[in-house]
């Protein structure tokens, strides 16, 4: 029940348009088959750290997609990956200097 309410809220938010941005910037992302993408992640020794749902506009419709943050705690590299269809995964962001964050208020 909670998941369906959250999903509905995420879709409603995506349909409302940009909240803070007045300009939409097309940003190309690298996509490929699961086997290809996971081989790249293995090369960087990045492991899943967190999973969540994201809202992505796919074919002009807001779509909830599974998302995983992969991190290598030694080298601090990271990749944010979305599954946009059964066997298509996209690296939507990547970088380095990943650090754990803990809010002093415990949030």
Protein backbone atom coordinates (compact mmCIF):
# COMPACT_ATOMS: atom_id res chain seq x y z
CA UNK A 1 0.00 0.00 0.00
CA UNK A 2 2.73 2.47 0.99
CA UNK A 3 4.68 1.60 -2.19
CA UNK A 4 1.68 2.34 -4.44
CA UNK A 5 1.03 5.70 -2.73
CA UNK A 6 4.69 6.62 -3.11
CA UNK A 7 4.66 5.56 -6.76
CA UNK A 8 1.56 7.68 -7.41
CA UNK A 9 3.17 10.65 -5.68
CA UNK A 10 6.37 10.31 -7.72
CA UNK A 11 4.43 10.16 -10.99
CA UNK A 12 2.30 13.17 -10.01
CA UNK A 13 5.46 15.10 -9.18
CA UNK A 14 7.05 14.21 -12.52
CA UNK A 15 3.90 15.22 -14.43
CA UNK A 16 3.82 18.60 -12.74
CA UNK A 17 6.93 19.60 -14.68
CA UNK A 18 10.22 20.98 -13.47
CA UNK A 19 10.01 22.28 -9.92
CA UNK A 20 13.03 24.52 -9.79
CA UNK A 21 14.49 24.38 -13.30
CA UNK A 22 13.17 26.67 -15.96
CA UNK A 23 15.32 25.09 -18.65
CA UNK A 24 15.32 21.43 -19.60
CA UNK A 25 18.76 20.31 -20.73
CA UNK A 26 18.97 17.11 -22.76
CA UNK A 27 21.67 14.99 -21.20
CA UNK A 28 22.84 11.92 -23.10
CA UNK A 29 23.39 8.80 -20.99
CA UNK A 30 25.15 5.54 -21.73
CA UNK A 31 22.80 2.55 -21.98
CA UNK A 32 23.32 -1.08 -22.79
CA UNK A 33 22.53 -4.67 -21.99
CA UNK A 34 22.77 -5.78 -18.38
CA UNK A 35 25.77 -8.03 -19.07
CA UNK A 36 27.76 -5.20 -20.67
CA UNK A 37 26.97 -2.69 -17.94
CA UNK A 38 27.66 -5.06 -15.05
CA UNK A 39 31.00 -6.03 -16.64
CA UNK A 40 31.97 -2.34 -16.58
CA UNK A 41 30.90 -2.00 -12.93
CA UNK A 42 32.92 -5.10 -12.08
CA UNK A 43 35.96 -3.58 -13.79
CA UNK A 44 35.76 -0.64 -11.35
CA UNK A 45 34.92 -3.03 -8.48
CA UNK A 46 31.79 -1.02 -7.72
CA UNK A 47 29.18 -2.82 -5.63
CA UNK A 48 25.51 -2.01 -4.98
CA UNK A 49 25.19 0.30 -2.00
CA UNK A 50 21.62 1.58 -2.23
CA UNK A 51 18.48 0.85 -4.25
CA UNK A 52 15.49 3.11 -4.80
CA UNK A 53 12.87 4.13 -7.36
CA UNK A 54 13.30 7.07 -9.71
CA UNK A 55 10.89 8.80 -12.05
CA UNK A 56 12.20 9.07 -15.60
CA UNK A 57 10.41 10.44 -18.65
CA UNK A 58 10.37 7.55 -21.13
CA UNK A 59 8.56 8.07 -24.43
CA UNK A 60 7.10 11.31 -23.02
CA UNK A 61 5.52 9.54 -20.05
CA UNK A 62 6.67 9.59 -16.44
CA UNK A 63 7.85 6.10 -15.59
CA UNK A 64 9.07 4.68 -12.30
CA UNK A 65 12.35 2.83 -12.83
CA UNK A 66 14.49 0.76 -10.45
CA UNK A 67 17.71 2.63 -9.61
CA UNK A 68 20.91 1.42 -7.95
CA UNK A 69 23.87 3.36 -6.59
CA UNK A 70 27.10 1.36 -7.04
CA UNK A 71 30.18 2.41 -5.04
CA UNK A 72 33.77 1.31 -4.66
CA UNK A 73 34.60 2.26 -1.06
CA UNK A 74 38.35 1.96 -1.65
CA UNK A 75 38.75 4.10 -4.79
CA UNK A 76 35.56 6.12 -4.01
CA UNK A 77 34.24 5.81 -7.59
CA UNK A 78 30.48 5.54 -8.00
CA UNK A 79 27.85 4.96 -10.71
CA UNK A 80 24.11 5.64 -10.63
CA UNK A 81 22.28 3.08 -12.77
CA UNK A 82 18.64 2.96 -13.89
CA UNK A 83 16.89 -0.06 -15.40
CA UNK A 84 14.74 1.41 -18.17
CA UNK A 85 13.45 -1.88 -19.62
CA UNK A 86 13.87 -5.63 -19.12
CA UNK A 87 17.47 -5.75 -20.36
CA UNK A 88 18.40 -2.08 -20.86
CA UNK A 89 20.33 -0.33 -18.11
CA UNK A 90 21.63 3.25 -18.21
CA UNK A 91 24.44 4.95 -16.30
CA UNK A 92 22.79 8.30 -15.56
CA UNK A 93 25.66 9.69 -13.48
CA UNK A 94 29.12 8.64 -12.36
CA UNK A 95 32.04 10.10 -10.51
CA UNK A 96 34.43 9.74 -7.63
CA UNK A 97 35.05 10.96 -4.10
CA UNK A 98 32.00 9.14 -2.71
CA UNK A 99 31.70 9.65 1.03
CA UNK A 100 29.19 8.52 3.62
CA UNK A 101 27.05 11.30 4.97
CA UNK A 102 25.31 11.37 8.30
CA UNK A 103 23.21 14.30 9.27
CA UNK A 104 24.11 15.54 12.76
CA UNK A 105 20.40 15.38 13.59
CA UNK A 106 20.42 11.65 12.82
CA UNK A 107 18.34 11.90 9.64
